[in-house]
C-alpha atoms as a PDB file:
ATOM      1  CA  MET A   1      63.575 189.690 193.425  1.00  0.00           C
ATOM      2  CA  SER A   2      65.238 186.643 191.887  1.00  0.00           C
ATOM      3  CA  ALA A   3      63.979 183.095 192.153  1.00  0.00           C
ATOM      4  CA  PRO A   4      65.412 180.919 194.929  1.00  0.00           C
ATOM      5  CA  LEU A   5      68.276 178.600 194.062  1.00  0.00           C
ATOM      6  CA  ILE A   6      66.262 175.492 194.981  1.00  0.00           C
ATOM      7  CA  GLU A   7      62.597 175.115 195.736  1.00  0.00           C
ATOM      8  CA  PHE A   8      60.518 172.075 196.619  1.00  0.00           C
ATOM      9  CA  ARG A   9      56.783 172.834 196.356  1.00  0.00           C
ATOM     10  CA  ASN A  10      54.475 170.298 198.008  1.00  0.00           C
ATOM     11  CA  VAL A  11      56.574 167.402 196.725  1.00  0.00           C
ATOM     12  CA  SER A  12      55.452 163.832 197.270  1.00  0.00           C
ATOM     13  CA  LYS A  13      57.122 160.659 196.058  1.00  0.00           C
ATOM     14  CA  ILE A  14      55.392 157.311 196.242  1.00  0.00           C
ATOM     15  CA  PHE A  15      57.018 154.071 195.114  1.00  0.00           C
ATOM     16  CA  GLY A  16      55.028 151.026 194.053  1.00  0.00           C
ATOM     17  CA  GLY A  17      51.267 150.831 194.122  1.00  0.00           C
ATOM     18  CA  GLY A  18      50.955 150.162 190.403  1.00  0.00           C
ATOM     19  CA  PHE A  19      48.683 147.682 188.688  1.00  0.00           C
ATOM     20  CA  PHE A  20      50.773 144.645 189.675  1.00  0.00           C
ATOM     21  CA  ASP A  21      52.320 146.046 192.861  1.00  0.00           C
ATOM     22  CA  LYS A  22      49.760 146.768 195.557  1.00  0.00           C
ATOM     23  CA  ASN A  23      52.392 147.755 198.148  1.00  0.00           C
ATOM     24  CA  ARG A  24      52.986 151.499 198.257  1.00  0.00           C
ATOM     25  CA  THR A  25      55.880 153.203 199.979  1.00  0.00           C
ATOM     26  CA  ILE A  26      55.500 156.895 200.702  1.00  0.00           C
ATOM     27  CA  ALA A  27      59.057 158.230 200.637  1.00  0.00           C
ATOM     28  CA  LEU A  28      58.084 161.931 200.821  1.00  0.00           C
ATOM     29  CA  GLU A  29      54.724 163.514 201.474  1.00  0.00           C
ATOM     30  CA  ASN A  30      53.881 167.167 200.816  1.00  0.00           C
ATOM     31  CA  PHE A  31      57.472 168.345 201.369  1.00  0.00           C
ATOM     32  CA  SER A  32      58.276 172.032 200.842  1.00  0.00           C
ATOM     33  CA  MET A  33      61.599 173.822 201.257  1.00  0.00           C
ATOM     34  CA  THR A  34      63.376 176.834 199.778  1.00  0.00           C
ATOM     35  CA  LEU A  35      67.134 177.453 199.584  1.00  0.00           C
ATOM     36  CA  ASP A  36      68.164 180.956 198.608  1.00  0.00           C
ATOM     37  CA  ASP A  37      71.256 181.765 196.556  1.00  0.00           C
ATOM     38  CA  ASN A  38      72.750 184.180 199.118  1.00  0.00           C
ATOM     39  CA  PRO A  39      74.216 184.177 201.661  1.00  0.00           C
ATOM     40  CA  PRO A  40      76.122 180.883 201.501  1.00  0.00           C
ATOM     41  CA  LEU A  41      74.806 178.489 204.094  1.00  0.00           C
ATOM     42  CA  ILE A  42      74.917 174.913 205.210  1.00  0.00           C
ATOM     43  CA  THR A  43      71.602 173.114 205.383  1.00  0.00           C
ATOM     44  CA  ALA A  44      71.289 169.560 206.610  1.00  0.00           C
ATOM     45  CA  VAL A  45      68.407 167.169 206.125  1.00  0.00           C
ATOM     46  CA  VAL A  46      68.583 164.719 208.985  1.00  0.00           C
ATOM     47  CA  GLY A  47      66.549 161.593 209.573  1.00  0.00           C
ATOM     48  CA  GLU A  48      66.722 157.925 210.308  1.00  0.00           C
ATOM     49  CA  SER A  49      67.356 155.303 207.666  1.00  0.00           C
ATOM     50  CA  GLY A  50      64.454 155.082 205.239  1.00  0.00           C
ATOM     51  CA  SER A  51      63.122 158.563 206.052  1.00  0.00           C
ATOM     52  CA  GLY A  52      63.435 159.868 202.478  1.00  0.00           C
ATOM     53  CA  LYS A  53      66.755 161.763 202.524  1.00  0.00           C
ATOM     54  CA  THR A  54      68.217 159.959 199.504  1.00  0.00           C
ATOM     55  CA  THR A  55      64.891 160.213 197.658  1.00  0.00           C
ATOM     56  CA  LEU A  56      64.953 163.963 198.298  1.00  0.00           C
ATOM     57  CA  ALA A  57      68.466 164.181 196.803  1.00  0.00           C
ATOM     58  CA  ARG A  58      67.478 162.035 193.806  1.00  0.00           C
ATOM     59  CA  LEU A  59      64.469 164.286 193.159  1.00  0.00           C
ATOM     60  CA  LEU A  60      66.666 167.375 193.283  1.00  0.00           C
ATOM     61  CA  LEU A  61      69.135 165.840 190.847  1.00  0.00           C
ATOM     62  CA  GLY A  62      66.341 164.898 188.459  1.00  0.00           C
ATOM     63  CA  LEU A  63      67.023 161.175 188.866  1.00  0.00           C
ATOM     64  CA  GLU A  64      63.447 160.688 190.095  1.00  0.00           C
ATOM     65  CA  THR A  65      60.275 162.539 189.168  1.00  0.00           C
ATOM     66  CA  PRO A  66      57.903 163.608 191.916  1.00  0.00           C
ATOM     67  CA  THR A  67      54.555 161.852 192.189  1.00  0.00           C
ATOM     68  CA  ALA A  68      53.130 165.278 193.039  1.00  0.00           C
ATOM     69  CA  GLY A  69      54.514 168.794 193.421  1.00  0.00           C
ATOM     70  CA  GLN A  70      57.425 170.600 191.794  1.00  0.00           C
ATOM     71  CA  VAL A  71      61.201 170.672 192.184  1.00  0.00           C
ATOM     72  CA  ARG A  72      62.662 173.927 190.863  1.00  0.00           C
ATOM     73  CA  TYR A  73      66.149 175.298 190.224  1.00  0.00           C
ATOM     74  CA  ARG A  74      66.251 179.087 189.863  1.00  0.00           C
ATOM     75  CA  GLY A  75      62.525 179.119 189.172  1.00  0.00           C
ATOM     76  CA  LYS A  76      62.530 176.430 186.477  1.00  0.00           C
ATOM     77  CA  GLU A  77      61.203 172.907 186.981  1.00  0.00           C
ATOM     78  CA  ILE A  78      64.166 170.544 186.830  1.00  0.00           C
ATOM     79  CA  HIS A  79      62.488 168.181 184.376  1.00  0.00           C
ATOM     80  CA  LYS A  80      61.569 171.040 182.031  1.00  0.00           C
ATOM     81  CA  MET A  81      64.965 172.733 181.663  1.00  0.00           C
ATOM     82  CA  ASN A  82      66.403 173.404 178.228  1.00  0.00           C
ATOM     83  CA  LYS A  83      69.979 172.392 177.371  1.00  0.00           C
ATOM     84  CA  ALA A  84      71.603 175.661 178.548  1.00  0.00           C
ATOM     85  CA  GLU A  85      69.641 175.661 181.818  1.00  0.00           C
ATOM     86  CA  HIS A  86      70.531 172.020 182.423  1.00  0.00           C
ATOM     87  CA  ARG A  87      74.220 172.744 181.817  1.00  0.00           C
ATOM     88  CA  ASP A  88      74.076 175.606 184.355  1.00  0.00           C
ATOM     89  CA  PHE A  89      72.349 173.231 186.777  1.00  0.00           C
ATOM     90  CA  LEU A  90      75.045 170.547 186.334  1.00  0.00           C
ATOM     91  CA  HIS A  91      77.756 173.122 186.966  1.00  0.00           C
ATOM     92  CA  ASN A  92      76.163 174.664 190.053  1.00  0.00           C
ATOM     93  CA  VAL A  93      74.647 171.600 191.735  1.00  0.00           C
ATOM     94  CA  GLN A  94      77.130 168.868 192.600  1.00  0.00           C
ATOM     95  CA  PHE A  95      76.478 165.536 194.283  1.00  0.00           C
ATOM     96  CA  ILE A  96      78.732 163.467 196.526  1.00  0.00           C
ATOM     97  CA  PHE A  97      77.531 159.878 196.487  1.00  0.00           C
ATOM     98  CA  GLN A  98      77.307 157.731 199.608  1.00  0.00           C
ATOM     99  CA  ASP A  99      79.078 154.831 197.910  1.00  0.00           C
ATOM    100  CA  PRO A 100      82.233 155.956 196.076  1.00  0.00           C
ATOM    101  CA  PHE A 101      82.886 152.444 194.739  1.00  0.00           C
ATOM    102  CA  GLY A 102      80.151 152.553 192.117  1.00  0.00           C
ATOM    103  CA  VAL A 103      81.015 156.056 190.899  1.00  0.00           C
ATOM    104  CA  TYR A 104      84.446 155.413 189.448  1.00  0.00           C
ATOM    105  CA  ASN A 105      85.241 153.855 186.106  1.00  0.00           C
ATOM    106  CA  PRO A 106      88.017 151.391 187.036  1.00  0.00           C
ATOM    107  CA  PHE A 107      89.910 152.224 183.835  1.00  0.00           C
ATOM    108  CA  TYR A 108      90.272 155.941 184.620  1.00  0.00           C
ATOM    109  CA  ARG A 109      92.970 157.360 186.829  1.00  0.00           C
ATOM    110  CA  VAL A 110      92.172 159.968 189.467  1.00  0.00           C
ATOM    111  CA  ASP A 111      93.618 162.631 187.148  1.00  0.00           C
ATOM    112  CA  HIS A 112      90.939 161.895 184.556  1.00  0.00           C
ATOM    113  CA  VAL A 113      88.124 161.959 187.134  1.00  0.00           C
ATOM    114  CA  LEU A 114      89.198 165.417 188.311  1.00  0.00           C
ATOM    115  CA  LEU A 115      90.251 166.884 184.962  1.00  0.00           C
ATOM    116  CA  LYS A 116      87.055 166.004 183.066  1.00  0.00           C
ATOM    117  CA  PRO A 117      84.691 168.479 184.824  1.00  0.00           C
ATOM    118  CA  LEU A 118      87.228 171.301 184.471  1.00  0.00           C
ATOM    119  CA  GLN A 119      87.384 170.636 180.742  1.00  0.00           C
ATOM    120  CA  LYS A 120      83.624 170.215 180.344  1.00  0.00           C
ATOM    121  CA  PHE A 121      82.853 173.564 181.957  1.00  0.00           C
ATOM    122  CA  LYS A 122      85.984 175.308 180.606  1.00  0.00           C
ATOM    123  CA  LEU A 123      87.170 176.355 184.067  1.00  0.00           C
ATOM    124  CA  ALA A 124      90.880 176.295 183.263  1.00  0.00           C
ATOM    125  CA  SER A 125      92.620 178.092 180.426  1.00  0.00           C
ATOM    126  CA  SER A 126      95.436 175.544 180.227  1.00  0.00           C
ATOM    127  CA  ARG A 127      96.316 172.035 181.348  1.00  0.00           C
ATOM    128  CA  ARG A 128      98.828 173.546 183.756  1.00  0.00           C
ATOM    129  CA  GLN A 129      96.158 175.719 185.373  1.00  0.00           C
ATOM    130  CA  ALA A 130      93.807 172.718 185.550  1.00  0.00           C
ATOM    131  CA  TYR A 131      96.404 170.648 187.402  1.00  0.00           C
ATOM    132  CA  HIS A 132      97.068 173.557 189.765  1.00  0.00           C
ATOM    133  CA  LEU A 133      93.335 173.680 190.605  1.00  0.00           C
ATOM    134  CA  ILE A 134      93.251 169.892 191.015  1.00  0.00           C
ATOM    135  CA  GLU A 135      96.223 169.944 193.390  1.00  0.00           C
ATOM    136  CA  GLU A 136      94.577 172.685 195.484  1.00  0.00           C
ATOM    137  CA  ALA A 137      91.316 170.722 195.679  1.00  0.00           C
ATOM    138  CA  LEU A 138      93.121 167.527 196.720  1.00  0.00           C
ATOM    139  CA  GLU A 139      95.034 169.388 199.429  1.00  0.00           C
ATOM    140  CA  THR A 140      91.773 170.946 200.653  1.00  0.00           C
ATOM    141  CA  VAL A 141      90.387 167.462 201.358  1.00  0.00           C
ATOM    142  CA  GLY A 142      93.606 166.232 202.976  1.00  0.00           C
ATOM    143  CA  LEU A 143      95.071 164.253 200.077  1.00  0.00           C
ATOM    144  CA  ARG A 144      98.603 164.690 198.808  1.00  0.00           C
ATOM    145  CA  PRO A 145      98.605 165.212 195.028  1.00  0.00           C
ATOM    146  CA  GLU A 146     101.903 163.387 194.544  1.00  0.00           C
ATOM    147  CA  GLU A 147     100.416 160.290 196.228  1.00  0.00           C
ATOM    148  CA  THR A 148      96.987 160.541 194.578  1.00  0.00           C
ATOM    149  CA  LEU A 149      97.389 161.591 190.952  1.00  0.00           C
ATOM    150  CA  GLY A 150      98.232 158.805 188.536  1.00  0.00           C
ATOM    151  CA  ARG A 151      96.522 156.153 190.646  1.00  0.00           C
ATOM    152  CA  TYR A 152      93.499 154.027 189.782  1.00  0.00           C
ATOM    153  CA  PRO A 153      90.424 153.837 192.057  1.00  0.00           C
ATOM    154  CA  HIS A 154      91.181 150.262 193.191  1.00  0.00           C
ATOM    155  CA  GLN A 155      94.543 151.492 194.491  1.00  0.00           C
ATOM    156  CA  MET A 156      92.842 153.812 196.966  1.00  0.00           C
ATOM    157  CA  SER A 157      90.905 153.258 200.179  1.00  0.00           C
ATOM    158  CA  GLY A 158      87.180 153.960 200.426  1.00  0.00           C
ATOM    159  CA  GLY A 159      87.880 157.111 202.434  1.00  0.00           C
ATOM    160  CA  GLN A 160      90.349 158.370 199.841  1.00  0.00           C
ATOM    161  CA  ARG A 161      87.854 157.724 197.052  1.00  0.00           C
ATOM    162  CA  GLN A 162      85.187 159.608 198.953  1.00  0.00           C
ATOM    163  CA  ARG A 163      87.525 162.579 199.489  1.00  0.00           C
ATOM    164  CA  ILE A 164      88.310 162.597 195.759  1.00  0.00           C
ATOM    165  CA  MET A 165      84.575 162.956 195.109  1.00  0.00           C
ATOM    166  CA  VAL A 166      84.465 165.891 197.552  1.00  0.00           C
ATOM    167  CA  ALA A 167      87.466 167.452 195.758  1.00  0.00           C
ATOM    168  CA  ARG A 168      85.731 166.927 192.406  1.00  0.00           C
ATOM    169  CA  ALA A 169      82.620 168.713 193.665  1.00  0.00           C
ATOM    170  CA  LEU A 170      84.666 171.596 195.094  1.00  0.00           C
ATOM    171  CA  LEU A 171      86.571 172.069 191.818  1.00  0.00           C
ATOM    172  CA  LEU A 172      83.475 173.459 190.122  1.00  0.00           C
ATOM    173  CA  LYS A 173      82.766 175.975 192.910  1.00  0.00           C
ATOM    174  CA  PRO A 174      79.064 175.081 192.838  1.00  0.00           C
ATOM    175  CA  LYS A 175      76.241 176.975 194.513  1.00  0.00           C
ATOM    176  CA  LEU A 176      75.014 173.728 196.098  1.00  0.00           C
ATOM    177  CA  ILE A 177      76.658 170.458 197.071  1.00  0.00           C
ATOM    178  CA  ILE A 178      74.347 167.573 197.895  1.00  0.00           C
ATOM    179  CA  ALA A 179      76.129 165.045 200.060  1.00  0.00           C
ATOM    180  CA  ASP A 180      74.540 161.673 200.819  1.00  0.00           C
ATOM    181  CA  GLU A 181      76.555 160.497 203.835  1.00  0.00           C
ATOM    182  CA  PRO A 182      79.791 162.002 202.466  1.00  0.00           C
ATOM    183  CA  VAL A 183      81.989 160.756 205.291  1.00  0.00           C
ATOM    184  CA  SER A 184      80.629 157.220 205.668  1.00  0.00           C
ATOM    185  CA  MET A 185      83.943 155.789 204.402  1.00  0.00           C
ATOM    186  CA  VAL A 186      86.344 158.231 206.105  1.00  0.00           C
END
């Protein structure tokens, strides 16, 4: 039996409470969850503002370390992965940020934002094939390639920018997409 795709084992995350900061915020406490690789499924973590959803996503992405417990990808602790395991993780776990404004480099056109991951993971054998995949992904999220490609982020609405991030995540055909309020701008 293979290891689950994602596993949280008794994960807790506490902010503050250090030597100079006596205020502690418990973002997660003894959280456990397992997501298997098959069959494909949609899992939602729902809660009110401040309930720890974004902290959970940041822990999974390795942007935060748990105060206690383990976060695992295919049986390996996220913070202990070697380079090849981390590359596999980056390919198969994609994140759609809540705020698309801070994600984009204002000097890069949409083409660059979408082409870069295809090149990094060698998912297209030619530039022509890459642009075909990009056009399909844009159409999947309701954007017209001829109106989107060649434009800069500031030339697009917040909803369009958010859909570009969804298209970017879909391009890699990941096993898991983590979406932190992915339609807040649509």
